Amino acid sequence: MQYIGLLFEIIFFVAAAMGYLFSRGFFQSKDPEVQAKANNFRKENGWWLRIGCILVMALMGIEIFLNIKSLF
């Protein structure tokens, strides 16, 4: 059962990392309309998204470490 929890923790960590990279503008769309919407979203909410993703990555990093530690 701990392996399932570890899997979900890793999934949440990766999702938070992808959200952080999105908030930094790392991903670009080929469609100019979609890219304009993404840029507008980042302009309005980028700071909060970065802080939230960093917090989730830190929390999941600690949880992953503790979960792996308890497995061994």
N, C-alpha and C. Protein backbone atom coordinates (compact mmCIF):
# COMPACT_ATOMS: atom_id res chain seq x y z
N MET A 1 0.81 -1.19 0.00
CA MET A 1 0.00 0.00 0.00
C MET A 1 0.86 1.27 0.00
N GLN A 2 2.06 1.16 0.59
CA GLN A 2 2.93 2.34 0.62
C GLN A 2 3.43 2.69 -0.77
N TYR A 3 3.53 1.67 -1.65
CA TYR A 3 3.99 1.94 -2.99
C TYR A 3 3.00 2.79 -3.77
N ILE A 4 1.72 2.59 -3.53
CA ILE A 4 0.70 3.39 -4.20
C ILE A 4 0.79 4.84 -3.72
N GLY A 5 0.99 5.04 -2.42
CA GLY A 5 1.17 6.39 -1.89
C GLY A 5 2.39 7.06 -2.46
N LEU A 6 3.48 6.31 -2.60
CA LEU A 6 4.70 6.85 -3.18
C LEU A 6 4.48 7.23 -4.64
N LEU A 7 3.75 6.40 -5.36
CA LEU A 7 3.44 6.71 -6.76
C LEU A 7 2.65 8.01 -6.88
N PHE A 8 1.64 8.19 -6.03
CA PHE A 8 0.86 9.42 -6.07
C PHE A 8 1.69 10.63 -5.66
N GLU A 9 2.58 10.47 -4.72
CA GLU A 9 3.45 11.58 -4.32
C GLU A 9 4.36 12.00 -5.47
N ILE A 10 4.87 11.02 -6.19
CA ILE A 10 5.72 11.34 -7.34
C ILE A 10 4.90 12.02 -8.44
N ILE A 11 3.68 11.55 -8.66
CA ILE A 11 2.81 12.17 -9.66
C ILE A 11 2.52 13.63 -9.29
N PHE A 12 2.20 13.89 -8.02
CA PHE A 12 1.94 15.27 -7.59
C PHE A 12 3.19 16.14 -7.71
N PHE A 13 4.35 15.56 -7.40
CA PHE A 13 5.60 16.31 -7.53
C PHE A 13 5.85 16.71 -8.99
N VAL A 14 5.66 15.76 -9.90
CA VAL A 14 5.86 16.05 -11.32
C VAL A 14 4.84 17.06 -11.83
N ALA A 15 3.59 16.95 -11.39
CA ALA A 15 2.56 17.91 -11.80
C ALA A 15 2.90 19.31 -11.30
N ALA A 16 3.40 19.42 -10.08
CA ALA A 16 3.79 20.73 -9.55
C ALA A 16 4.99 21.28 -10.31
N ALA A 17 5.92 20.41 -10.68
CA ALA A 17 7.08 20.86 -11.47
C ALA A 17 6.63 21.36 -12.84
N MET A 18 5.69 20.66 -13.45
CA MET A 18 5.17 21.11 -14.75
C MET A 18 4.43 22.44 -14.61
N GLY A 19 3.66 22.60 -13.53
CA GLY A 19 2.99 23.87 -13.28
C GLY A 19 3.97 25.01 -13.09
N TYR A 20 5.06 24.74 -12.37
CA TYR A 20 6.08 25.76 -12.17
C TYR A 20 6.73 26.14 -13.50
N LEU A 21 7.06 25.14 -14.30
CA LEU A 21 7.65 25.44 -15.61
C LEU A 21 6.68 26.21 -16.49
N PHE A 22 5.40 25.89 -16.42
CA PHE A 22 4.40 26.66 -17.17
C PHE A 22 4.35 28.10 -16.69
N SER A 23 4.41 28.30 -15.39
CA SER A 23 4.32 29.67 -14.85
C SER A 23 5.54 30.49 -15.24
N ARG A 24 6.67 29.85 -15.50
CA ARG A 24 7.88 30.55 -15.94
C ARG A 24 7.91 30.77 -17.45
N GLY A 25 6.94 30.21 -18.19
CA GLY A 25 6.89 30.40 -19.63
C GLY A 25 7.76 29.42 -20.39
N PHE A 26 8.04 28.28 -19.79
CA PHE A 26 8.91 27.29 -20.41
C PHE A 26 8.24 26.58 -21.58
N PHE A 27 6.92 26.43 -21.53
CA PHE A 27 6.17 25.75 -22.58
C PHE A 27 5.56 26.78 -23.51
N GLN A 28 5.71 26.55 -24.81
CA GLN A 28 5.16 27.45 -25.81
C GLN A 28 4.19 26.67 -26.70
N SER A 29 3.11 27.33 -27.11
CA SER A 29 2.14 26.72 -28.00
C SER A 29 2.37 27.20 -29.42
N LYS A 30 2.04 26.36 -30.38
CA LYS A 30 2.18 26.75 -31.78
C LYS A 30 1.02 27.61 -32.25
N ASP A 31 -0.10 27.50 -31.54
CA ASP A 31 -1.28 28.30 -31.87
C ASP A 31 -1.16 29.67 -31.22
N PRO A 32 -1.14 30.76 -32.00
CA PRO A 32 -0.94 32.09 -31.41
C PRO A 32 -2.06 32.51 -30.44
N GLU A 33 -3.28 32.05 -30.70
CA GLU A 33 -4.39 32.41 -29.82
C GLU A 33 -4.24 31.75 -28.45
N VAL A 34 -3.88 30.48 -28.45
CA VAL A 34 -3.67 29.76 -27.20
C VAL A 34 -2.48 30.35 -26.45
N GLN A 35 -1.42 30.69 -27.19
CA GLN A 35 -0.24 31.27 -26.56
C GLN A 35 -0.56 32.63 -25.94
N ALA A 36 -1.40 33.43 -26.59
CA ALA A 36 -1.80 34.72 -26.04
C ALA A 36 -2.59 34.54 -24.75
N LYS A 37 -3.49 33.55 -24.73
CA LYS A 37 -4.26 33.27 -23.51
C LYS A 37 -3.34 32.80 -22.38
N ALA A 38 -2.37 31.94 -22.72
CA ALA A 38 -1.44 31.46 -21.70
C ALA A 38 -0.59 32.60 -21.16
N ASN A 39 -0.13 33.48 -22.03
CA ASN A 39 0.67 34.63 -21.58
C ASN A 39 -0.16 35.55 -20.69
N ASN A 40 -1.42 35.75 -21.03
CA ASN A 40 -2.30 36.58 -20.21
C ASN A 40 -2.52 35.94 -18.84
N PHE A 41 -2.73 34.62 -18.82
CA PHE A 41 -2.91 33.91 -17.56
C PHE A 41 -1.65 34.01 -16.70
N ARG A 42 -0.49 33.82 -17.31
CA ARG A 42 0.77 33.93 -16.56
C ARG A 42 0.98 35.35 -16.04
N LYS A 43 0.59 36.33 -16.82
CA LYS A 43 0.74 37.73 -16.41
C LYS A 43 -0.11 38.03 -15.17
N GLU A 44 -1.32 37.48 -15.13
CA GLU A 44 -2.24 37.75 -14.02
C GLU A 44 -1.97 36.87 -12.81
N ASN A 45 -1.59 35.60 -13.02
CA ASN A 45 -1.53 34.63 -11.92
C ASN A 45 -0.18 33.95 -11.77
N GLY A 46 0.82 34.39 -12.48
CA GLY A 46 2.11 33.71 -12.48
C GLY A 46 2.77 33.65 -11.12
N TRP A 47 2.71 34.73 -10.37
CA TRP A 47 3.38 34.77 -9.07
C TRP A 47 2.76 33.77 -8.11
N TRP A 48 1.43 33.74 -8.04
CA TRP A 48 0.75 32.80 -7.14
C TRP A 48 0.97 31.36 -7.58
N LEU A 49 0.97 31.14 -8.88
CA LEU A 49 1.19 29.80 -9.39
C LEU A 49 2.59 29.31 -9.05
N ARG A 50 3.59 30.18 -9.18
CA ARG A 50 4.96 29.80 -8.83
C ARG A 50 5.09 29.45 -7.36
N ILE A 51 4.56 30.30 -6.50
CA ILE A 51 4.64 30.06 -5.06
C ILE A 51 3.92 28.76 -4.69
N GLY A 52 2.73 28.55 -5.21
CA GLY A 52 1.97 27.34 -4.92
C GLY A 52 2.69 26.09 -5.39
N CYS A 53 3.26 26.14 -6.58
CA CYS A 53 3.96 24.97 -7.11
C CYS A 53 5.22 24.68 -6.32
N ILE A 54 5.93 25.72 -5.91
CA ILE A 54 7.13 25.51 -5.09
C ILE A 54 6.76 24.87 -3.76
N LEU A 55 5.68 25.33 -3.16
CA LEU A 55 5.24 24.74 -1.89
C LEU A 55 4.84 23.28 -2.05
N VAL A 56 4.12 22.97 -3.11
CA VAL A 56 3.71 21.58 -3.34
C VAL A 56 4.93 20.71 -3.62
N MET A 57 5.89 21.22 -4.40
CA MET A 57 7.10 20.44 -4.68
C MET A 57 7.90 20.20 -3.40
N ALA A 58 7.99 21.20 -2.53
CA ALA A 58 8.71 21.02 -1.27
C ALA A 58 8.01 20.00 -0.39
N LEU A 59 6.70 20.10 -0.27
CA LEU A 59 5.94 19.15 0.54
C LEU A 59 6.05 17.73 -0.01
N MET A 60 5.89 17.58 -1.30
CA MET A 60 5.98 16.25 -1.90
C MET A 60 7.41 15.71 -1.83
N GLY A 61 8.40 16.56 -1.93
CA GLY A 61 9.78 16.11 -1.79
C GLY A 61 10.04 15.54 -0.41
N ILE A 62 9.53 16.22 0.60
CA ILE A 62 9.67 15.72 1.98
C ILE A 62 8.90 14.41 2.15
N GLU A 63 7.70 14.34 1.61
CA GLU A 63 6.88 13.13 1.72
C GLU A 63 7.54 11.96 0.99
N ILE A 64 8.11 12.21 -0.19
CA ILE A 64 8.79 11.15 -0.93
C ILE A 64 9.98 10.64 -0.13
N PHE A 65 10.76 11.58 0.42
CA PHE A 65 11.92 11.20 1.23
C PHE A 65 11.50 10.35 2.43
N LEU A 66 10.48 10.79 3.15
CA LEU A 66 10.03 10.04 4.33
C LEU A 66 9.45 8.68 3.95
N ASN A 67 8.74 8.63 2.83
CA ASN A 67 8.15 7.38 2.39
C ASN A 67 9.24 6.38 2.00
N ILE A 68 10.25 6.84 1.26
CA ILE A 68 11.35 5.95 0.88
C ILE A 68 12.14 5.52 2.11
N LYS A 69 12.32 6.44 3.05
CA LYS A 69 13.03 6.11 4.28
C LYS A 69 12.29 5.03 5.06
N SER A 70 10.97 5.10 5.12
CA SER A 70 10.21 4.11 5.87
C SER A 70 10.15 2.75 5.16
N LEU A 71 10.37 2.74 3.84
CA LEU A 71 10.38 1.47 3.11
C LEU A 71 11.64 0.66 3.42
N PHE A 72 12.72 1.36 3.71
CA PHE A 72 13.99 0.65 3.99
C PHE A 72 14.23 0.67 5.44
